[in-house]
Amino acid sequence: MTTSASDRSALGAFLRARRARVTPGDVDLPVSGRRRTPGLRREEVAQLAGVGVTWYTWLEQGRARNASDQVLDAVARALRLDPAEHRHLMVLAGRGTTPEPGPPMDLRPEHTAVLAKLLPYPAAVQTDCYDLVAANRTYRYLFADLDAYPVEERNCAWLMFTEPSWRNSLVDEDTVLREITAKLRNRQPEHRDDPRWNALITRLRQESPDFVRHWESYEVAGDRTQLRRYVSPRVGALDVQFQSLWLDRARGERIIVMTPTDDGTAQRLERLDSLVGAAPAWTARSDAADSSAAGA
């Protein structure tokens, strides 16, 4: 499959970033002489992958076309790419699918019923680019009043990078912001023609130097259940398992839910729900496809 010049350029930048992070010792190569290059040299990657140095150089320079799956797999092994990074490499090389930009996801009554039933655990319906389509009561008031933000700002990535009340809730701030960026970087090539994605990345690059710093590191990451530690302004410390319940994995649509890791967190989430108990069990963005009224 023929790739565009922009994709080949992105592929080269990704390979250079990954090469800089692998040392000769990581791949059992001897270290000889003074090294000005961080990580591996191009010729070392080519040797490990069993390809020509000139060809690998062209690959990093965005000049190589139609690389075979076997060669790409060999380069992935040489650079010790994890599964998410390997997948990202293949997408940049034209092996992934690019979904057509579609309408907003179809928010259905069964989705909002799940949000209500999960209380007092914070939960929300989220798209592939972190747009919050609907959220239950404890999620909406976990850091601030989510419904008070304009619709176009109800996006987890945007709020975590630009909104102090959200960002200040993060105990492991740099780790979480790096993971958010790495997940966006991982899936962005599949959405290169999607206006939602392009607008989000452009806004973040314009408004957040921290996003730019993480974005230009070319880290990529897949989705996984993970520990998140927050400090809620209403109830204090919360240690939760952050996980995705997939609605449509191919489109990246999910219900995200935070489950407590200890009794103290469970009690504080119950207290949070009691403090905001007069609010509806869930609310949705005004542009969501489902037009049902918020649950009582």
C-alpha atoms as a PDB file:
ATOM      1  CA  MET A   1       0.000   0.000   0.000  1.00  0.00           C
ATOM      2  CA  THR A   2       1.419   3.415  -1.001  1.00  0.00           C
ATOM      3  CA  THR A   3       1.766   5.886   1.860  1.00  0.00           C
ATOM      4  CA  SER A   4       1.562   9.666   1.757  1.00  0.00           C
ATOM      5  CA  ALA A   5       4.597  11.887   2.230  1.00  0.00           C
ATOM      6  CA  SER A   6       3.228  13.102   5.581  1.00  0.00           C
ATOM      7  CA  ASP A   7       2.797   9.537   6.836  1.00  0.00           C
ATOM      8  CA  ARG A   8       6.315   8.608   5.730  1.00  0.00           C
ATOM      9  CA  SER A   9       7.636  11.686   7.515  1.00  0.00           C
ATOM     10  CA  ALA A  10       5.738  10.735  10.696  1.00  0.00           C
ATOM     11  CA  LEU A  11       7.059   7.172  10.398  1.00  0.00           C
ATOM     12  CA  GLY A  12      10.623   8.451  10.167  1.00  0.00           C
ATOM     13  CA  ALA A  13      10.203  10.719  13.190  1.00  0.00           C
ATOM     14  CA  PHE A  14       8.721   7.844  15.180  1.00  0.00           C
ATOM     15  CA  LEU A  15      11.604   5.497  14.273  1.00  0.00           C
ATOM     16  CA  ARG A  16      14.206   8.103  15.202  1.00  0.00           C
ATOM     17  CA  ALA A  17      12.560   8.676  18.570  1.00  0.00           C
ATOM     18  CA  ARG A  18      12.411   4.955  19.288  1.00  0.00           C
ATOM     19  CA  ARG A  19      15.997   4.380  18.123  1.00  0.00           C
ATOM     20  CA  ALA A  20      17.234   7.057  20.531  1.00  0.00           C
ATOM     21  CA  ARG A  21      15.766   5.100  23.468  1.00  0.00           C
ATOM     22  CA  VAL A  22      17.443   1.758  22.819  1.00  0.00           C
ATOM     23  CA  THR A  23      21.039   1.349  23.992  1.00  0.00           C
ATOM     24  CA  PRO A  24      23.546  -1.161  22.590  1.00  0.00           C
ATOM     25  CA  GLY A  25      23.401  -2.972  25.909  1.00  0.00           C
ATOM     26  CA  ASP A  26      19.645  -3.436  25.539  1.00  0.00           C
ATOM     27  CA  VAL A  27      20.192  -5.511  22.393  1.00  0.00           C
ATOM     28  CA  ASP A  28      23.509  -7.149  23.363  1.00  0.00           C
ATOM     29  CA  LEU A  29      25.676  -5.081  21.040  1.00  0.00           C
ATOM     30  CA  PRO A  30      29.236  -4.150  22.076  1.00  0.00           C
ATOM     31  CA  VAL A  31      29.961  -0.502  22.785  1.00  0.00           C
ATOM     32  CA  SER A  32      33.023   0.726  20.920  1.00  0.00           C
ATOM     33  CA  GLY A  33      34.425   4.227  20.584  1.00  0.00           C
ATOM     34  CA  ARG A  34      32.849   7.515  21.480  1.00  0.00           C
ATOM     35  CA  ARG A  35      29.126   7.719  20.674  1.00  0.00           C
ATOM     36  CA  ARG A  36      27.560  11.039  19.739  1.00  0.00           C
ATOM     37  CA  THR A  37      24.231   9.427  18.875  1.00  0.00           C
ATOM     38  CA  PRO A  38      21.818   8.724  21.760  1.00  0.00           C
ATOM     39  CA  GLY A  39      20.667   5.148  21.592  1.00  0.00           C
ATOM     40  CA  LEU A  40      21.431   2.987  18.574  1.00  0.00           C
ATOM     41  CA  ARG A  41      23.067   4.089  15.347  1.00  0.00           C
ATOM     42  CA  ARG A  42      21.225   3.558  12.090  1.00  0.00           C
ATOM     43  CA  GLU A  43      23.672   0.928  10.966  1.00  0.00           C
ATOM     44  CA  GLU A  44      23.092  -0.988  14.193  1.00  0.00           C
ATOM     45  CA  VAL A  45      19.325  -1.024  13.665  1.00  0.00           C
ATOM     46  CA  ALA A  46      19.866  -2.140  10.075  1.00  0.00           C
ATOM     47  CA  GLN A  47      22.172  -4.918  11.251  1.00  0.00           C
ATOM     48  CA  LEU A  48      19.712  -6.125  13.870  1.00  0.00           C
ATOM     49  CA  ALA A  49      16.826  -6.015  11.403  1.00  0.00           C
ATOM     50  CA  GLY A  50      18.764  -7.651   8.577  1.00  0.00           C
ATOM     51  CA  VAL A  51      18.223  -4.803   6.103  1.00  0.00           C
ATOM     52  CA  GLY A  52      20.552  -2.489   4.220  1.00  0.00           C
ATOM     53  CA  VAL A  53      21.819   0.634   5.953  1.00  0.00           C
ATOM     54  CA  THR A  54      20.879   2.819   2.988  1.00  0.00           C
ATOM     55  CA  TRP A  55      17.373   1.438   2.881  1.00  0.00           C
ATOM     56  CA  TYR A  56      16.861   1.900   6.629  1.00  0.00           C
ATOM     57  CA  THR A  57      18.210   5.465   6.323  1.00  0.00           C
ATOM     58  CA  TRP A  58      15.638   6.137   3.606  1.00  0.00           C
ATOM     59  CA  LEU A  59      12.940   4.738   5.899  1.00  0.00           C
ATOM     60  CA  GLU A  60      13.849   7.248   8.609  1.00  0.00           C
ATOM     61  CA  GLN A  61      14.090  10.042   6.049  1.00  0.00           C
ATOM     62  CA  GLY A  62      10.620   9.340   4.684  1.00  0.00           C
ATOM     63  CA  ARG A  63      11.991   8.281   1.302  1.00  0.00           C
ATOM     64  CA  ALA A  64      11.274   4.534   1.430  1.00  0.00           C
ATOM     65  CA  ARG A  65       8.027   3.352  -0.145  1.00  0.00           C
ATOM     66  CA  ASN A  66       6.085   0.116   0.169  1.00  0.00           C
ATOM     67  CA  ALA A  67       8.120  -1.548   2.916  1.00  0.00           C
ATOM     68  CA  SER A  68       7.094  -5.172   3.360  1.00  0.00           C
ATOM     69  CA  ASP A  69       5.414  -6.478   6.505  1.00  0.00           C
ATOM     70  CA  GLN A  70       8.404  -8.734   7.123  1.00  0.00           C
ATOM     71  CA  VAL A  71      10.837  -5.815   7.062  1.00  0.00           C
ATOM     72  CA  LEU A  72       8.623  -3.679   9.291  1.00  0.00           C
ATOM     73  CA  ASP A  73       8.296  -6.557  11.763  1.00  0.00           C
ATOM     74  CA  ALA A  74      12.085  -6.963  11.776  1.00  0.00           C
ATOM     75  CA  VAL A  75      12.590  -3.241  12.461  1.00  0.00           C
ATOM     76  CA  ALA A  76      10.008  -3.439  15.261  1.00  0.00           C
ATOM     77  CA  ARG A  77      11.921  -6.309  16.853  1.00  0.00           C
ATOM     78  CA  ALA A  78      15.234  -4.473  16.495  1.00  0.00           C
ATOM     79  CA  LEU A  79      13.823  -1.415  18.234  1.00  0.00           C
ATOM     80  CA  ARG A  80      12.102  -3.519  20.903  1.00  0.00           C
ATOM     81  CA  LEU A  81       8.684  -2.018  20.190  1.00  0.00           C
ATOM     82  CA  ASP A  82       5.839  -3.043  22.460  1.00  0.00           C
ATOM     83  CA  PRO A  83       2.512  -4.138  20.905  1.00  0.00           C
ATOM     84  CA  ALA A  84       1.049  -0.613  20.872  1.00  0.00           C
ATOM     85  CA  GLU A  85       4.199   0.806  19.282  1.00  0.00           C
ATOM     86  CA  HIS A  86       4.331  -2.038  16.739  1.00  0.00           C
ATOM     87  CA  ARG A  87       0.716  -1.377  15.752  1.00  0.00           C
ATOM     88  CA  HIS A  88       1.443   2.348  15.437  1.00  0.00           C
ATOM     89  CA  LEU A  89       4.399   1.573  13.162  1.00  0.00           C
ATOM     90  CA  MET A  90       2.203  -0.557  10.895  1.00  0.00           C
ATOM     91  CA  VAL A  91      -0.510   2.112  10.714  1.00  0.00           C
ATOM     92  CA  LEU A  92       2.021   4.785   9.745  1.00  0.00           C
ATOM     93  CA  ALA A  93       3.350   2.408   7.087  1.00  0.00           C
ATOM     94  CA  GLY A  94      -0.128   2.104   5.585  1.00  0.00           C
ATOM     95  CA  ARG A  95      -1.127  -1.237   7.065  1.00  0.00           C
ATOM     96  CA  GLY A  96      -3.955   0.077   9.253  1.00  0.00           C
ATOM     97  CA  THR A  97      -7.427   1.158   8.318  1.00  0.00           C
ATOM     98  CA  THR A  98      -8.552   4.774   8.322  1.00  0.00           C
ATOM     99  CA  PRO A  99     -12.207   5.023   9.343  1.00  0.00           C
ATOM    100  CA  GLU A 100     -14.358   7.565   7.595  1.00  0.00           C
ATOM    101  CA  PRO A 101     -15.242  10.561   9.760  1.00  0.00           C
ATOM    102  CA  GLY A 102     -18.698   9.832  11.063  1.00  0.00           C
ATOM    103  CA  PRO A 103     -21.514  11.474  12.998  1.00  0.00           C
ATOM    104  CA  PRO A 104     -21.409  11.813  16.794  1.00  0.00           C
ATOM    105  CA  MET A 105     -21.791   8.478  18.520  1.00  0.00           C
ATOM    106  CA  ASP A 106     -25.284   7.176  19.132  1.00  0.00           C
ATOM    107  CA  LEU A 107     -25.939   7.602  22.845  1.00  0.00           C
ATOM    108  CA  ARG A 108     -28.575   5.032  23.714  1.00  0.00           C
ATOM    109  CA  PRO A 109     -30.840   4.563  26.763  1.00  0.00           C
ATOM    110  CA  GLU A 110     -28.991   1.384  27.752  1.00  0.00           C
ATOM    111  CA  HIS A 111     -25.752   3.384  27.966  1.00  0.00           C
ATOM    112  CA  THR A 112     -27.217   5.973  30.322  1.00  0.00           C
ATOM    113  CA  ALA A 113     -28.878   3.219  32.368  1.00  0.00           C
ATOM    114  CA  VAL A 114     -25.426   1.741  32.998  1.00  0.00           C
ATOM    115  CA  LEU A 115     -24.099   5.153  34.066  1.00  0.00           C
ATOM    116  CA  ALA A 116     -26.875   5.460  36.649  1.00  0.00           C
ATOM    117  CA  LYS A 117     -26.465   1.892  37.920  1.00  0.00           C
ATOM    118  CA  LEU A 118     -22.714   2.384  38.459  1.00  0.00           C
ATOM    119  CA  LEU A 119     -23.253   5.127  41.040  1.00  0.00           C
ATOM    120  CA  PRO A 120     -21.468   5.982  43.291  1.00  0.00           C
ATOM    121  CA  TYR A 121     -18.586   4.954  41.023  1.00  0.00           C
ATOM    122  CA  PRO A 122     -17.685   7.764  38.592  1.00  0.00           C
ATOM    123  CA  ALA A 123     -18.461   6.759  35.001  1.00  0.00           C
ATOM    124  CA  ALA A 124     -18.810   8.459  31.619  1.00  0.00           C
ATOM    125  CA  VAL A 125     -19.383   7.663  27.962  1.00  0.00           C
ATOM    126  CA  GLN A 126     -16.286   8.729  26.055  1.00  0.00           C
ATOM    127  CA  THR A 127     -15.250   8.785  22.395  1.00  0.00           C
ATOM    128  CA  ASP A 128     -11.912   7.819  20.864  1.00  0.00           C
ATOM    129  CA  CYS A 129     -10.570  11.381  21.177  1.00  0.00           C
ATOM    130  CA  TYR A 130     -11.674  11.832  24.814  1.00  0.00           C
ATOM    131  CA  ASP A 131     -14.923  13.727  24.155  1.00  0.00           C
ATOM    132  CA  LEU A 132     -17.299  13.229  27.085  1.00  0.00           C
ATOM    133  CA  VAL A 133     -20.707  12.387  25.610  1.00  0.00           C
ATOM    134  CA  ALA A 134     -22.482  11.681  28.925  1.00  0.00           C
ATOM    135  CA  ALA A 135     -21.481  11.291  32.561  1.00  0.00           C
ATOM    136  CA  ASN A 136     -23.029  10.173  35.808  1.00  0.00           C
ATOM    137  CA  ARG A 137     -23.388  12.311  38.900  1.00  0.00           C
ATOM    138  CA  THR A 138     -20.150  11.460  40.716  1.00  0.00           C
ATOM    139  CA  TYR A 139     -18.068  11.814  37.551  1.00  0.00           C
ATOM    140  CA  ARG A 140     -19.550  15.239  36.816  1.00  0.00           C
ATOM    141  CA  TYR A 141     -18.664  16.552  40.278  1.00  0.00           C
ATOM    142  CA  LEU A 142     -15.414  14.639  40.821  1.00  0.00           C
ATOM    143  CA  PHE A 143     -13.226  17.700  40.125  1.00  0.00           C
ATOM    144  CA  ALA A 144     -15.644  20.493  39.195  1.00  0.00           C
ATOM    145  CA  ASP A 145     -19.107  20.869  37.671  1.00  0.00           C
ATOM    146  CA  LEU A 146     -18.627  19.304  34.220  1.00  0.00           C
ATOM    147  CA  ASP A 147     -21.971  20.642  32.959  1.00  0.00           C
ATOM    148  CA  ALA A 148     -20.792  24.211  33.586  1.00  0.00           C
ATOM    149  CA  TYR A 149     -18.222  23.954  30.788  1.00  0.00           C
ATOM    150  CA  PRO A 150     -19.125  24.758  27.168  1.00  0.00           C
ATOM    151  CA  VAL A 151     -19.878  21.622  25.155  1.00  0.00           C
ATOM    152  CA  GLU A 152     -16.736  21.990  23.050  1.00  0.00           C
ATOM    153  CA  GLU A 153     -14.572  21.909  26.193  1.00  0.00           C
ATOM    154  CA  ARG A 154     -16.042  18.697  27.633  1.00  0.00           C
ATOM    155  CA  ASN A 155     -13.074  16.620  26.592  1.00  0.00           C
ATOM    156  CA  CYS A 156     -10.829  14.845  29.090  1.00  0.00           C
ATOM    157  CA  ALA A 157      -7.579  15.664  27.292  1.00  0.00           C
ATOM    158  CA  TRP A 158      -8.489  19.333  26.960  1.00  0.00           C
ATOM    159  CA  LEU A 159      -9.617  19.648  30.583  1.00  0.00           C
ATOM    160  CA  MET A 160      -6.612  17.811  32.028  1.00  0.00           C
ATOM    161  CA  PHE A 161      -4.129  19.973  30.123  1.00  0.00           C
ATOM    162  CA  THR A 162      -5.837  23.364  30.342  1.00  0.00           C
ATOM    163  CA  GLU A 163      -8.286  23.470  33.268  1.00  0.00           C
ATOM    164  CA  PRO A 164      -6.567  23.971  36.682  1.00  0.00           C
ATOM    165  CA  SER A 165      -9.322  22.334  38.748  1.00  0.00           C
ATOM    166  CA  TRP A 166      -8.954  19.129  36.715  1.00  0.00           C
ATOM    167  CA  ARG A 167      -5.194  19.188  36.418  1.00  0.00           C
ATOM    168  CA  ASN A 168      -4.678  19.927  40.113  1.00  0.00           C
ATOM    169  CA  SER A 169      -6.638  16.770  40.944  1.00  0.00           C
ATOM    170  CA  LEU A 170      -3.850  14.576  39.545  1.00  0.00           C
ATOM    171  CA  VAL A 171      -1.454  13.119  42.091  1.00  0.00           C
ATOM    172  CA  ASP A 172       0.808  11.729  39.340  1.00  0.00           C
ATOM    173  CA  GLU A 173       0.355  14.681  37.005  1.00  0.00           C
ATOM    174  CA  ASP A 174       3.186  14.175  34.524  1.00  0.00           C
ATOM    175  CA  THR A 175       2.527  10.434  34.228  1.00  0.00           C
ATOM    176  CA  VAL A 176      -1.172  10.911  33.450  1.00  0.00           C
ATOM    177  CA  LEU A 177      -0.590  13.743  30.969  1.00  0.00           C
ATOM    178  CA  ARG A 178       2.077  11.693  29.220  1.00  0.00           C
ATOM    179  CA  GLU A 179      -0.291   8.694  28.971  1.00  0.00           C
ATOM    180  CA  ILE A 180      -3.123  10.809  27.569  1.00  0.00           C
ATOM    181  CA  THR A 181      -0.814  12.225  24.900  1.00  0.00           C
ATOM    182  CA  ALA A 182       0.644   8.823  24.068  1.00  0.00           C
ATOM    183  CA  LYS A 183      -2.836   7.391  23.506  1.00  0.00           C
ATOM    184  CA  LEU A 184      -3.775  10.311  21.257  1.00  0.00           C
ATOM    185  CA  ARG A 185      -0.508   9.936  19.342  1.00  0.00           C
ATOM    186  CA  ASN A 186      -1.169   6.210  18.940  1.00  0.00           C
ATOM    187  CA  ARG A 187      -4.578   6.596  17.301  1.00  0.00           C
ATOM    188  CA  GLN A 188      -4.117   9.910  15.475  1.00  0.00           C
ATOM    189  CA  PRO A 189      -2.850   8.389  12.179  1.00  0.00           C
ATOM    190  CA  GLU A 190      -6.124   6.477  11.853  1.00  0.00           C
ATOM    191  CA  HIS A 191      -8.051   9.756  12.139  1.00  0.00           C
ATOM    192  CA  ARG A 192      -5.909  12.050  10.019  1.00  0.00           C
ATOM    193  CA  ASP A 193      -8.962  13.159   8.019  1.00  0.00           C
ATOM    194  CA  ASP A 194     -11.325  13.551  10.985  1.00  0.00           C
ATOM    195  CA  PRO A 195     -12.061  17.237  11.761  1.00  0.00           C
ATOM    196  CA  ARG A 196     -12.697  16.451  15.458  1.00  0.00           C
ATOM    197  CA  TRP A 197      -9.236  15.013  15.878  1.00  0.00           C
ATOM    198  CA  ASN A 198      -7.496  17.733  13.915  1.00  0.00           C
ATOM    199  CA  ALA A 199      -9.245  20.468  15.867  1.00  0.00           C
ATOM    200  CA  LEU A 200      -8.383  18.891  19.235  1.00  0.00           C
ATOM    201  CA  ILE A 201      -4.699  18.365  18.444  1.00  0.00           C
ATOM    202  CA  THR A 202      -4.396  21.882  17.003  1.00  0.00           C
ATOM    203  CA  ARG A 203      -6.018  23.479  20.058  1.00  0.00           C
ATOM    204  CA  LEU A 204      -3.873  21.516  22.488  1.00  0.00           C
ATOM    205  CA  ARG A 205      -0.688  22.402  20.611  1.00  0.00           C
ATOM    206  CA  GLN A 206      -1.674  26.067  20.683  1.00  0.00           C
ATOM    207  CA  GLU A 207      -2.691  26.234  24.346  1.00  0.00           C
ATOM    208  CA  SER A 208      -0.489  23.756  26.237  1.00  0.00           C
ATOM    209  CA  PRO A 209       3.331  23.711  26.164  1.00  0.00           C
ATOM    210  CA  ASP A 210       3.182  20.505  28.203  1.00  0.00           C
ATOM    211  CA  PHE A 211       1.111  18.837  25.499  1.00  0.00           C
ATOM    212  CA  VAL A 212       3.617  19.933  22.863  1.00  0.00           C
ATOM    213  CA  ARG A 213       6.467  18.521  24.947  1.00  0.00           C
ATOM    214  CA  HIS A 214       4.796  15.126  25.326  1.00  0.00           C
ATOM    215  CA  TRP A 215       3.500  15.082  21.734  1.00  0.00           C
ATOM    216  CA  GLU A 216       6.963  15.653  20.300  1.00  0.00           C
ATOM    217  CA  SER A 217       8.412  12.775  22.328  1.00  0.00           C
ATOM    218  CA  TYR A 218       6.536  10.407  19.942  1.00  0.00           C
ATOM    219  CA  GLU A 219       5.523   8.064  22.750  1.00  0.00           C
ATOM    220  CA  VAL A 220       2.544   5.843  21.974  1.00  0.00           C
ATOM    221  CA  ALA A 221       0.416   3.737  24.308  1.00  0.00           C
ATOM    222  CA  GLY A 222      -2.577   1.434  24.122  1.00  0.00           C
ATOM    223  CA  ASP A 223      -5.571   1.208  26.425  1.00  0.00           C
ATOM    224  CA  ARG A 224      -5.269  -0.745  29.647  1.00  0.00           C
ATOM    225  CA  THR A 225      -6.718  -0.798  33.143  1.00  0.00           C
ATOM    226  CA  GLN A 226      -4.518   1.266  35.425  1.00  0.00           C
ATOM    227  CA  LEU A 227      -4.286   2.801  38.861  1.00  0.00           C
ATOM    228  CA  ARG A 228      -5.166   6.479  39.022  1.00  0.00           C
ATOM    229  CA  ARG A 229      -4.765   8.650  42.101  1.00  0.00           C
ATOM    230  CA  TYR A 230      -6.806  11.829  42.434  1.00  0.00           C
ATOM    231  CA  VAL A 231      -7.545  14.470  45.036  1.00  0.00           C
ATOM    232  CA  SER A 232     -11.181  15.557  44.862  1.00  0.00           C
ATOM    233  CA  PRO A 233     -11.857  19.075  46.193  1.00  0.00           C
ATOM    234  CA  ARG A 234     -15.042  17.740  47.820  1.00  0.00           C
ATOM    235  CA  VAL A 235     -13.942  14.474  49.448  1.00  0.00           C
ATOM    236  CA  GLY A 236     -10.145  14.229  49.259  1.00  0.00           C
ATOM    237  CA  ALA A 237      -7.863  11.373  48.179  1.00  0.00           C
ATOM    238  CA  LEU A 238      -9.237   8.768  45.774  1.00  0.00           C
ATOM    239  CA  ASP A 239      -7.323   5.710  44.563  1.00  0.00           C
ATOM    240  CA  VAL A 240      -9.207   4.015  41.727  1.00  0.00           C
ATOM    241  CA  GLN A 241      -8.789   1.487  38.959  1.00  0.00           C
ATOM    242  CA  PHE A 242      -9.478   3.354  35.733  1.00  0.00           C
ATOM    243  CA  GLN A 243     -10.885   1.029  33.090  1.00  0.00           C
ATOM    244  CA  SER A 244     -12.797   0.974  29.808  1.00  0.00           C
ATOM    245  CA  LEU A 245     -15.987  -0.966  29.133  1.00  0.00           C
ATOM    246  CA  TRP A 246     -16.071  -1.059  25.346  1.00  0.00           C
ATOM    247  CA  LEU A 247     -19.169  -0.084  23.395  1.00  0.00           C
ATOM    248  CA  ASP A 248     -17.403  -0.182  20.008  1.00  0.00           C
ATOM    249  CA  ARG A 249     -13.699  -0.897  20.253  1.00  0.00           C
ATOM    250  CA  ALA A 250     -13.057  -0.280  16.546  1.00  0.00           C
ATOM    251  CA  ARG A 251     -14.425   3.266  16.886  1.00  0.00           C
ATOM    252  CA  GLY A 252     -12.917   3.774  20.336  1.00  0.00           C
ATOM    253  CA  GLU A 253     -16.276   4.374  22.012  1.00  0.00           C
ATOM    254  CA  ARG A 254     -16.437   3.255  25.623  1.00  0.00           C
ATOM    255  CA  ILE A 255     -17.816   3.681  29.097  1.00  0.00           C
ATOM    256  CA  ILE A 256     -14.987   4.668  31.401  1.00  0.00           C
ATOM    257  CA  VAL A 257     -15.448   3.748  35.041  1.00  0.00           C
ATOM    258  CA  MET A 258     -13.413   4.304  38.197  1.00  0.00           C
ATOM    259  CA  THR A 259     -13.656   1.556  40.812  1.00  0.00           C
ATOM    260  CA  PRO A 260     -12.184   2.060  44.309  1.00  0.00           C
ATOM    261  CA  THR A 261      -9.036   0.182  45.275  1.00  0.00           C
ATOM    262  CA  ASP A 262      -9.642   0.449  49.035  1.00  0.00           C
ATOM    263  CA  ASP A 263     -12.413   0.902  51.585  1.00  0.00           C
ATOM    264  CA  GLY A 264     -11.477   4.516  52.252  1.00  0.00           C
ATOM    265  CA  THR A 265     -11.915   5.457  48.607  1.00  0.00           C
ATOM    266  CA  ALA A 266     -15.215   3.561  48.448  1.00  0.00           C
ATOM    267  CA  GLN A 267     -16.509   5.497  51.460  1.00  0.00           C
ATOM    268  CA  ARG A 268     -15.382   8.832  50.003  1.00  0.00           C
ATOM    269  CA  LEU A 269     -17.138   8.085  46.693  1.00  0.00           C
ATOM    270  CA  GLU A 270     -20.325   7.304  48.621  1.00  0.00           C
ATOM    271  CA  ARG A 271     -19.917  10.590  50.475  1.00  0.00           C
ATOM    272  CA  LEU A 272     -19.419  12.454  47.192  1.00  0.00           C
ATOM    273  CA  ASP A 273     -22.603  10.968  45.788  1.00  0.00           C
ATOM    274  CA  SER A 274     -24.523  11.993  48.907  1.00  0.00           C
ATOM    275  CA  LEU A 275     -23.167  15.553  48.681  1.00  0.00           C
ATOM    276  CA  VAL A 276     -24.385  15.992  45.098  1.00  0.00           C
ATOM    277  CA  GLY A 277     -27.379  13.661  45.377  1.00  0.00           C
ATOM    278  CA  ALA A 278     -29.874  16.328  44.316  1.00  0.00           C
ATOM    279  CA  ALA A 279     -28.337  16.392  40.821  1.00  0.00           C
ATOM    280  CA  PRO A 280     -29.611  14.111  38.029  1.00  0.00           C
ATOM    281  CA  ALA A 281     -28.108  10.620  37.955  1.00  0.00           C
ATOM    282  CA  TRP A 282     -26.655  11.389  34.513  1.00  0.00           C
ATOM    283  CA  THR A 283     -26.528  14.153  31.945  1.00  0.00           C
ATOM    284  CA  ALA A 284     -25.479  14.218  28.283  1.00  0.00           C
ATOM    285  CA  ARG A 285     -23.970  16.749  25.921  1.00  0.00           C
ATOM    286  CA  SER A 286     -26.581  18.696  23.997  1.00  0.00           C
ATOM    287  CA  ASP A 287     -25.085  17.450  20.706  1.00  0.00           C
ATOM    288  CA  ALA A 288     -25.363  13.768  21.682  1.00  0.00           C
ATOM    289  CA  ALA A 289     -27.507  11.700  19.361  1.00  0.00           C
ATOM    290  CA  ASP A 290     -29.868  10.542  22.109  1.00  0.00           C
ATOM    291  CA  SER A 291     -32.296  13.320  23.038  1.00  0.00           C
ATOM    292  CA  SER A 292     -33.766  11.770  26.176  1.00  0.00           C
ATOM    293  CA  ALA A 293     -34.038  13.919  29.248  1.00  0.00           C
ATOM    294  CA  ALA A 294     -31.476  13.418  32.001  1.00  0.00           C
ATOM    295  CA  GLY A 295     -32.345  10.706  34.507  1.00  0.00           C
ATOM    296  CA  ALA A 296     -33.736  11.607  37.864  1.00  0.00           C
END
